Amino acid sequence: MAKTPVNTTAVQEAEYKDLFFTLFPGLGEELIRTIKSEIQLQTVRKNGFIYREGDTPQGFLCLLHGSAKVVTAGVTGRSQIIRLVKPTGILGYRALFAGENYRFSAKALDTSVIGFIGKAAFSRIVRSNGEVALHILRAIASELGFSNIRTVALTQKYVRGRLADSLLFLIDLYGLTPDGLLAVSLSREDLGQLSSMTTSNAIRTLSAFSSEGIIALIGKRIKILERDRLEKISERG
């Protein structure tokens, strides 16, 4: 990860660090001060790597601002998005705790702020506080459950079902603007990678959904018109 200092005021920096603790509610003031002293804030520009496949984890990573994707090239060389991350999601924790190199890469979807705690410091914090360890275990368990559901969707559903499933996932993760637009703007390539399909298939299926009045395409943005029909398509597979 490029270690670019965050260009913020002291107040903004404090606000970013406070966001980190939404991951670990209920910690004592002394432990919070200890953890705050270890947090480094770093920026990653749009499309920049947060970490690369094969890198060795250097510490604990938390996305505090922006959005990110975890991606792999796959056996065919075609990229696939494994997961998307929004604030305050954690990144690369599996490799960190397994003592392995990263098996996937993480990239910023837009300019993002990362909270980083070095490996040695984070290990001391986890070993000395069961609440921190418990929160991490809950995050891992939740991610595993989601991964299992996505695996079924991507391997057993047809193209329409996979894309509908991805759109519903984006709604749940990022939400909608007041006028019904997805609150995140993904490229058609990213949407295809998220749905385990080619970019051309993603474009064709989006166009079909649009012609059927399920969504509206407004430039690069997607407006959800009939969520219930997306849910039915997803259920049918």
Foldseek 3Di string as FASTA:
>chain_A
DPAAADPDDPVVLVVLLVLLCVLQPPDDPVLSVLVSVQKGKGKAAAFGWPFAAPAFDFFWKFWRAAKKFWWDLDPVRNIATQDIDHPGDTPDVVCLVVVHGHRTIMGTNHITMMITGGSVSVVVSVVVDVSSVVSVVVNVVVSVVVSVVLVCLLPPADLLLLLLVLVVVQCVPQNADPQQKRPDQDALCNSCSHSVHHSVSSVVSLVVCCVVVQWPCDPRIIGGRNNPVSVVNNVVD
